[in-house]
Amino acid sequence: MDEQELTRLVEKFSGTVYRAAYCCLRNSADADDITQDAFLALYTSSAEFTGDEHIRAWLIRVAINRCRNLLRSLRY
């Protein structure tokens, strides 16, 4: 994935990923961090996607999993 493609995807999906993270965490700073982590995971991933909707679903799933991990670590 090149930088131009990543920029396009960030512009298209960052709001959606942020909203998913914020709904889980109710903290804007943590939601920002989770959003950034999700896009970093996308950039470093070698996964092949067939369309933008698959990327969107993958990003949301990564964000939700990272939220759960964060909440779990704060509990213990």
PDB file of N, CA and C in Angstrom:
ATOM      1  N   MET A   1       0.851  -1.171   0.000  1.00  0.00           N
ATOM      2  CA  MET A   1       0.000   0.000   0.000  1.00  0.00           C
ATOM      3  C   MET A   1       0.899   1.237   0.000  1.00  0.00           C
ATOM      4  N   ASP A   2       0.622   2.141  -0.909  1.00  0.00           N
ATOM      5  CA  ASP A   2       1.435   3.348  -0.987  1.00  0.00           C
ATOM      6  C   ASP A   2       0.822   4.461  -0.129  1.00  0.00           C
ATOM      7  N   GLU A   3       1.580   5.523   0.026  1.00  0.00           N
ATOM      8  CA  GLU A   3       1.181   6.630   0.894  1.00  0.00           C
ATOM      9  C   GLU A   3      -0.096   7.314   0.404  1.00  0.00           C
ATOM     10  N   GLN A   4      -0.227   7.436  -0.900  1.00  0.00           N
ATOM     11  CA  GLN A   4      -1.404   8.085  -1.477  1.00  0.00           C
ATOM     12  C   GLN A   4      -2.679   7.285  -1.187  1.00  0.00           C
ATOM     13  N   GLU A   5      -2.597   5.978  -1.314  1.00  0.00           N
ATOM     14  CA  GLU A   5      -3.741   5.110  -1.021  1.00  0.00           C
ATOM     15  C   GLU A   5      -4.102   5.187   0.463  1.00  0.00           C
ATOM     16  N   LEU A   6      -3.092   5.173   1.329  1.00  0.00           N
ATOM     17  CA  LEU A   6      -3.350   5.278   2.761  1.00  0.00           C
ATOM     18  C   LEU A   6      -4.019   6.607   3.097  1.00  0.00           C
ATOM     19  N   THR A   7      -3.559   7.689   2.506  1.00  0.00           N
ATOM     20  CA  THR A   7      -4.157   9.004   2.740  1.00  0.00           C
ATOM     21  C   THR A   7      -5.623   9.013   2.327  1.00  0.00           C
ATOM     22  N   ARG A   8      -5.927   8.406   1.201  1.00  0.00           N
ATOM     23  CA  ARG A   8      -7.309   8.325   0.729  1.00  0.00           C
ATOM     24  C   ARG A   8      -8.176   7.555   1.722  1.00  0.00           C
ATOM     25  N   LEU A   9      -7.653   6.442   2.220  1.00  0.00           N
ATOM     26  CA  LEU A   9      -8.417   5.622   3.157  1.00  0.00           C
ATOM     27  C   LEU A   9      -8.596   6.317   4.507  1.00  0.00           C
ATOM     28  N   VAL A  10      -7.578   7.026   4.955  1.00  0.00           N
ATOM     29  CA  VAL A  10      -7.694   7.775   6.210  1.00  0.00           C
ATOM     30  C   VAL A  10      -8.773   8.839   6.081  1.00  0.00           C
ATOM     31  N   GLU A  11      -8.755   9.566   4.969  1.00  0.00           N
ATOM     32  CA  GLU A  11      -9.770  10.602   4.752  1.00  0.00           C
ATOM     33  C   GLU A  11     -11.173  10.006   4.678  1.00  0.00           C
ATOM     34  N   LYS A  12     -11.281   8.828   4.102  1.00  0.00           N
ATOM     35  CA  LYS A  12     -12.591   8.209   3.904  1.00  0.00           C
ATOM     36  C   LYS A  12     -13.141   7.558   5.174  1.00  0.00           C
ATOM     37  N   PHE A  13     -12.285   6.900   5.961  1.00  0.00           N
ATOM     38  CA  PHE A  13     -12.760   6.064   7.060  1.00  0.00           C
ATOM     39  C   PHE A  13     -12.369   6.521   8.458  1.00  0.00           C
ATOM     40  N   SER A  14     -11.581   7.568   8.603  1.00  0.00           N
ATOM     41  CA  SER A  14     -11.125   7.943   9.945  1.00  0.00           C
ATOM     42  C   SER A  14     -12.292   8.319  10.860  1.00  0.00           C
ATOM     43  N   GLY A  15     -13.289   8.993  10.337  1.00  0.00           N
ATOM     44  CA  GLY A  15     -14.446   9.353  11.157  1.00  0.00           C
ATOM     45  C   GLY A  15     -15.206   8.139  11.652  1.00  0.00           C
ATOM     46  N   THR A  16     -15.381   7.170  10.789  1.00  0.00           N
ATOM     47  CA  THR A  16     -16.098   5.947  11.150  1.00  0.00           C
ATOM     48  C   THR A  16     -15.342   5.162  12.215  1.00  0.00           C
ATOM     49  N   VAL A  17     -14.039   5.028  12.031  1.00  0.00           N
ATOM     50  CA  VAL A  17     -13.219   4.284  12.991  1.00  0.00           C
ATOM     51  C   VAL A  17     -13.190   5.024  14.330  1.00  0.00           C
ATOM     52  N   TYR A  18     -13.065   6.346  14.282  1.00  0.00           N
ATOM     53  CA  TYR A  18     -13.057   7.143  15.512  1.00  0.00           C
ATOM     54  C   TYR A  18     -14.378   6.979  16.271  1.00  0.00           C
ATOM     55  N   ARG A  19     -15.497   7.045  15.569  1.00  0.00           N
ATOM     56  CA  ARG A  19     -16.800   6.899  16.225  1.00  0.00           C
ATOM     57  C   ARG A  19     -16.947   5.531  16.887  1.00  0.00           C
ATOM     58  N   ALA A  20     -16.472   4.495  16.218  1.00  0.00           N
ATOM     59  CA  ALA A  20     -16.541   3.152  16.806  1.00  0.00           C
ATOM     60  C   ALA A  20     -15.706   3.086  18.085  1.00  0.00           C
ATOM     61  N   ALA A  21     -14.510   3.659  18.037  1.00  0.00           N
ATOM     62  CA  ALA A  21     -13.641   3.654  19.216  1.00  0.00           C
ATOM     63  C   ALA A  21     -14.228   4.513  20.334  1.00  0.00           C
ATOM     64  N   TYR A  22     -14.770   5.665  19.984  1.00  0.00           N
ATOM     65  CA  TYR A  22     -15.336   6.550  21.002  1.00  0.00           C
ATOM     66  C   TYR A  22     -16.563   5.927  21.670  1.00  0.00           C
ATOM     67  N   CYS A  23     -17.360   5.219  20.904  1.00  0.00           N
ATOM     68  CA  CYS A  23     -18.531   4.544  21.483  1.00  0.00           C
ATOM     69  C   CYS A  23     -18.115   3.505  22.518  1.00  0.00           C
ATOM     70  N   CYS A  24     -17.001   2.861  22.290  1.00  0.00           N
ATOM     71  CA  CYS A  24     -16.514   1.856  23.237  1.00  0.00           C
ATOM     72  C   CYS A  24     -15.874   2.490  24.469  1.00  0.00           C
ATOM     73  N   LEU A  25     -15.122   3.569  24.269  1.00  0.00           N
ATOM     74  CA  LEU A  25     -14.271   4.102  25.329  1.00  0.00           C
ATOM     75  C   LEU A  25     -14.816   5.341  26.030  1.00  0.00           C
ATOM     76  N   ARG A  26     -15.598   6.153  25.332  1.00  0.00           N
ATOM     77  CA  ARG A  26     -16.099   7.425  25.865  1.00  0.00           C
ATOM     78  C   ARG A  26     -14.963   8.345  26.323  1.00  0.00           C
ATOM     79  N   ASN A  27     -13.859   8.299  25.583  1.00  0.00           N
ATOM     80  CA  ASN A  27     -12.707   9.144  25.872  1.00  0.00           C
ATOM     81  C   ASN A  27     -12.092   9.533  24.538  1.00  0.00           C
ATOM     82  N   SER A  28     -12.060  10.818  24.236  1.00  0.00           N
ATOM     83  CA  SER A  28     -11.618  11.247  22.906  1.00  0.00           C
ATOM     84  C   SER A  28     -10.131  11.003  22.668  1.00  0.00           C
ATOM     85  N   ALA A  29      -9.297  11.166  23.692  1.00  0.00           N
ATOM     86  CA  ALA A  29      -7.860  10.943  23.513  1.00  0.00           C
ATOM     87  C   ALA A  29      -7.572   9.472  23.213  1.00  0.00           C
ATOM     88  N   ASP A  30      -8.210   8.582  23.963  1.00  0.00           N
ATOM     89  CA  ASP A  30      -8.022   7.150  23.716  1.00  0.00           C
ATOM     90  C   ASP A  30      -8.597   6.749  22.361  1.00  0.00           C
ATOM     91  N   ALA A  31      -9.719   7.341  21.980  1.00  0.00           N
ATOM     92  CA  ALA A  31     -10.312   7.040  20.672  1.00  0.00           C
ATOM     93  C   ALA A  31      -9.388   7.493  19.547  1.00  0.00           C
ATOM     94  N   ASP A  32      -8.739   8.645  19.717  1.00  0.00           N
ATOM     95  CA  ASP A  32      -7.748   9.101  18.731  1.00  0.00           C
ATOM     96  C   ASP A  32      -6.598   8.110  18.612  1.00  0.00           C
ATOM     97  N   ASP A  33      -6.097   7.642  19.759  1.00  0.00           N
ATOM     98  CA  ASP A  33      -4.990   6.678  19.753  1.00  0.00           C
ATOM     99  C   ASP A  33      -5.390   5.372  19.073  1.00  0.00           C
ATOM    100  N   ILE A  34      -6.572   4.887  19.372  1.00  0.00           N
ATOM    101  CA  ILE A  34      -7.057   3.640  18.775  1.00  0.00           C
ATOM    102  C   ILE A  34      -7.216   3.807  17.267  1.00  0.00           C
ATOM    103  N   THR A  35      -7.737   4.954  16.839  1.00  0.00           N
ATOM    104  CA  THR A  35      -7.902   5.223  15.410  1.00  0.00           C
ATOM    105  C   THR A  35      -6.554   5.209  14.711  1.00  0.00           C
ATOM    106  N   GLN A  36      -5.577   5.866  15.306  1.00  0.00           N
ATOM    107  CA  GLN A  36      -4.240   5.888  14.726  1.00  0.00           C
ATOM    108  C   GLN A  36      -3.649   4.481  14.682  1.00  0.00           C
ATOM    109  N   ASP A  37      -3.835   3.709  15.743  1.00  0.00           N
ATOM    110  CA  ASP A  37      -3.330   2.332  15.775  1.00  0.00           C
ATOM    111  C   ASP A  37      -3.967   1.475  14.687  1.00  0.00           C
ATOM    112  N   ALA A  38      -5.250   1.665  14.456  1.00  0.00           N
ATOM    113  CA  ALA A  38      -5.942   0.874  13.431  1.00  0.00           C
ATOM    114  C   ALA A  38      -5.373   1.165  12.044  1.00  0.00           C
ATOM    115  N   PHE A  39      -5.130   2.431  11.737  1.00  0.00           N
ATOM    116  CA  PHE A  39      -4.575   2.764  10.428  1.00  0.00           C
ATOM    117  C   PHE A  39      -3.108   2.350  10.310  1.00  0.00           C
ATOM    118  N   LEU A  40      -2.379   2.385  11.415  1.00  0.00           N
ATOM    119  CA  LEU A  40      -1.007   1.882  11.397  1.00  0.00           C
ATOM    120  C   LEU A  40      -1.007   0.378  11.140  1.00  0.00           C
ATOM    121  N   ALA A  41      -1.945  -0.334  11.747  1.00  0.00           N
ATOM    122  CA  ALA A  41      -2.065  -1.776  11.504  1.00  0.00           C
ATOM    123  C   ALA A  41      -2.401  -2.052  10.044  1.00  0.00           C
ATOM    124  N   LEU A  42      -3.260  -1.221   9.470  1.00  0.00           N
ATOM    125  CA  LEU A  42      -3.595  -1.375   8.050  1.00  0.00           C
ATOM    126  C   LEU A  42      -2.360  -1.161   7.182  1.00  0.00           C
ATOM    127  N   TYR A  43      -1.586  -0.137   7.495  1.00  0.00           N
ATOM    128  CA  TYR A  43      -0.402   0.190   6.702  1.00  0.00           C
ATOM    129  C   TYR A  43       0.646  -0.917   6.777  1.00  0.00           C
ATOM    130  N   THR A  44       0.810  -1.512   7.947  1.00  0.00           N
ATOM    131  CA  THR A  44       1.830  -2.547   8.117  1.00  0.00           C
ATOM    132  C   THR A  44       1.320  -3.946   7.778  1.00  0.00           C
ATOM    133  N   SER A  45       0.008  -4.077   7.579  1.00  0.00           N
ATOM    134  CA  SER A  45      -0.582  -5.379   7.284  1.00  0.00           C
ATOM    135  C   SER A  45      -0.288  -5.793   5.845  1.00  0.00           C
ATOM    136  N   SER A  46      -0.190  -7.091   5.674  1.00  0.00           N
ATOM    137  CA  SER A  46      -0.005  -7.623   4.324  1.00  0.00           C
ATOM    138  C   SER A  46      -1.314  -8.209   3.792  1.00  0.00           C
ATOM    139  N   ALA A  47      -2.416  -7.888   4.457  1.00  0.00           N
ATOM    140  CA  ALA A  47      -3.720  -8.420   4.051  1.00  0.00           C
ATOM    141  C   ALA A  47      -4.125  -7.849   2.695  1.00  0.00           C
ATOM    142  N   GLU A  48      -4.766  -8.682   1.914  1.00  0.00           N
ATOM    143  CA  GLU A  48      -5.270  -8.264   0.605  1.00  0.00           C
ATOM    144  C   GLU A  48      -6.774  -8.056   0.716  1.00  0.00           C
ATOM    145  N   PHE A  49      -7.249  -6.914   0.258  1.00  0.00           N
ATOM    146  CA  PHE A  49      -8.664  -6.592   0.328  1.00  0.00           C
ATOM    147  C   PHE A  49      -9.215  -6.446  -1.079  1.00  0.00           C
ATOM    148  N   THR A  50     -10.483  -6.830  -1.236  1.00  0.00           N
ATOM    149  CA  THR A  50     -11.099  -6.753  -2.560  1.00  0.00           C
ATOM    150  C   THR A  50     -11.858  -5.455  -2.783  1.00  0.00           C
ATOM    151  N   GLY A  51     -12.090  -4.691  -1.742  1.00  0.00           N
ATOM    152  CA  GLY A  51     -12.806  -3.429  -1.908  1.00  0.00           C
ATOM    153  C   GLY A  51     -12.761  -2.601  -0.647  1.00  0.00           C
ATOM    154  N   ASP A  52     -13.216  -1.362  -0.768  1.00  0.00           N
ATOM    155  CA  ASP A  52     -13.177  -0.453   0.366  1.00  0.00           C
ATOM    156  C   ASP A  52     -14.056  -0.909   1.525  1.00  0.00           C
ATOM    157  N   GLU A  53     -15.155  -1.574   1.237  1.00  0.00           N
ATOM    158  CA  GLU A  53     -16.032  -2.025   2.320  1.00  0.00           C
ATOM    159  C   GLU A  53     -15.359  -3.098   3.169  1.00  0.00           C
ATOM    160  N   HIS A  54     -14.534  -3.916   2.575  1.00  0.00           N
ATOM    161  CA  HIS A  54     -13.791  -4.912   3.344  1.00  0.00           C
ATOM    162  C   HIS A  54     -12.765  -4.217   4.228  1.00  0.00           C
ATOM    163  N   ILE A  55     -12.132  -3.183   3.701  1.00  0.00           N
ATOM    164  CA  ILE A  55     -11.164  -2.416   4.487  1.00  0.00           C
ATOM    165  C   ILE A  55     -11.871  -1.739   5.651  1.00  0.00           C
ATOM    166  N   ARG A  56     -13.031  -1.160   5.388  1.00  0.00           N
ATOM    167  CA  ARG A  56     -13.812  -0.489   6.434  1.00  0.00           C
ATOM    168  C   ARG A  56     -14.147  -1.464   7.558  1.00  0.00           C
ATOM    169  N   ALA A  57     -14.644  -2.626   7.215  1.00  0.00           N
ATOM    170  CA  ALA A  57     -15.005  -3.630   8.218  1.00  0.00           C
ATOM    171  C   ALA A  57     -13.776  -4.080   9.001  1.00  0.00           C
ATOM    172  N   TRP A  58     -12.660  -4.264   8.309  1.00  0.00           N
ATOM    173  CA  TRP A  58     -11.424  -4.691   8.954  1.00  0.00           C
ATOM    174  C   TRP A  58     -10.948  -3.626   9.940  1.00  0.00           C
ATOM    175  N   LEU A  59     -10.973  -2.363   9.537  1.00  0.00           N
ATOM    176  CA  LEU A  59     -10.543  -1.269  10.412  1.00  0.00           C
ATOM    177  C   LEU A  59     -11.418  -1.169  11.659  1.00  0.00           C
ATOM    178  N   ILE A  60     -12.718  -1.300  11.482  1.00  0.00           N
ATOM    179  CA  ILE A  60     -13.622  -1.231  12.631  1.00  0.00           C
ATOM    180  C   ILE A  60     -13.366  -2.393  13.578  1.00  0.00           C
ATOM    181  N   ARG A  61     -13.160  -3.582  13.039  1.00  0.00           N
ATOM    182  CA  ARG A  61     -12.884  -4.749  13.876  1.00  0.00           C
ATOM    183  C   ARG A  61     -11.574  -4.571  14.635  1.00  0.00           C
ATOM    184  N   VAL A  62     -10.541  -4.058  13.977  1.00  0.00           N
ATOM    185  CA  VAL A  62      -9.264  -3.800  14.655  1.00  0.00           C
ATOM    186  C   VAL A  62      -9.472  -2.789  15.776  1.00  0.00           C
ATOM    187  N   ALA A  63     -10.204  -1.720  15.500  1.00  0.00           N
ATOM    188  CA  ALA A  63     -10.442  -0.689  16.510  1.00  0.00           C
ATOM    189  C   ALA A  63     -11.195  -1.257  17.713  1.00  0.00           C
ATOM    190  N   ILE A  64     -12.226  -2.032  17.468  1.00  0.00           N
ATOM    191  CA  ILE A  64     -13.000  -2.604  18.572  1.00  0.00           C
ATOM    192  C   ILE A  64     -12.146  -3.562  19.392  1.00  0.00           C
ATOM    193  N   ASN A  65     -11.345  -4.370  18.732  1.00  0.00           N
ATOM    194  CA  ASN A  65     -10.462  -5.285  19.462  1.00  0.00           C
ATOM    195  C   ASN A  65      -9.446  -4.524  20.302  1.00  0.00           C
ATOM    196  N   ARG A  66      -8.888  -3.444  19.761  1.00  0.00           N
ATOM    197  CA  ARG A  66      -7.932  -2.630  20.529  1.00  0.00           C
ATOM    198  C   ARG A  66      -8.630  -1.955  21.708  1.00  0.00           C
ATOM    199  N   CYS A  67      -9.863  -1.528  21.520  1.00  0.00           N
ATOM    200  CA  CYS A  67     -10.634  -0.944  22.627  1.00  0.00           C
ATOM    201  C   CYS A  67     -10.832  -1.968  23.737  1.00  0.00           C
ATOM    202  N   ARG A  68     -11.211  -3.157  23.371  1.00  0.00           N
ATOM    203  CA  ARG A  68     -11.410  -4.218  24.366  1.00  0.00           C
ATOM    204  C   ARG A  68     -10.119  -4.515  25.114  1.00  0.00           C
ATOM    205  N   ASN A  69      -9.015  -4.565  24.381  1.00  0.00           N
ATOM    206  CA  ASN A  69      -7.729  -4.808  25.031  1.00  0.00           C
ATOM    207  C   ASN A  69      -7.390  -3.696  26.014  1.00  0.00           C
ATOM    208  N   LEU A  70      -7.637  -2.453  25.619  1.00  0.00           N
ATOM    209  CA  LEU A  70      -7.363  -1.320  26.502  1.00  0.00           C
ATOM    210  C   LEU A  70      -8.244  -1.371  27.744  1.00  0.00           C
ATOM    211  N   LEU A  71      -9.527  -1.611  27.563  1.00  0.00           N
ATOM    212  CA  LEU A  71     -10.433  -1.686  28.710  1.00  0.00           C
ATOM    213  C   LEU A  71     -10.056  -2.838  29.636  1.00  0.00           C
ATOM    214  N   ARG A  72      -9.654  -3.945  29.064  1.00  0.00           N
ATOM    215  CA  ARG A  72      -9.235  -5.097  29.861  1.00  0.00           C
ATOM    216  C   ARG A  72      -7.984  -4.763  30.669  1.00  0.00           C
ATOM    217  N   SER A  73      -7.038  -4.049  30.053  1.00  0.00           N
ATOM    218  CA  SER A  73      -5.802  -3.704  30.764  1.00  0.00           C
ATOM    219  C   SER A  73      -6.059  -2.678  31.871  1.00  0.00           C
ATOM    220  N   LEU A  74      -7.048  -1.816  31.694  1.00  0.00           N
ATOM    221  CA  LEU A  74      -7.368  -0.834  32.730  1.00  0.00           C
ATOM    222  C   LEU A  74      -8.092  -1.466  33.911  1.00  0.00           C
ATOM    223  N   ARG A  75      -8.768  -2.564  33.659  1.00  0.00           N
ATOM    224  CA  ARG A  75      -9.514  -3.244  34.714  1.00  0.00           C
ATOM    225  C   ARG A  75      -8.589  -3.975  35.680  1.00  0.00           C
ATOM    226  N   TYR A  76      -7.443  -4.440  35.218  1.00  0.00           N
ATOM    227  CA  TYR A  76      -6.556  -5.250  36.060  1.00  0.00           C
ATOM    228  C   TYR A  76      -5.322  -4.513  36.461  1.00  0.00           C
TER     229      TYR A  76
END
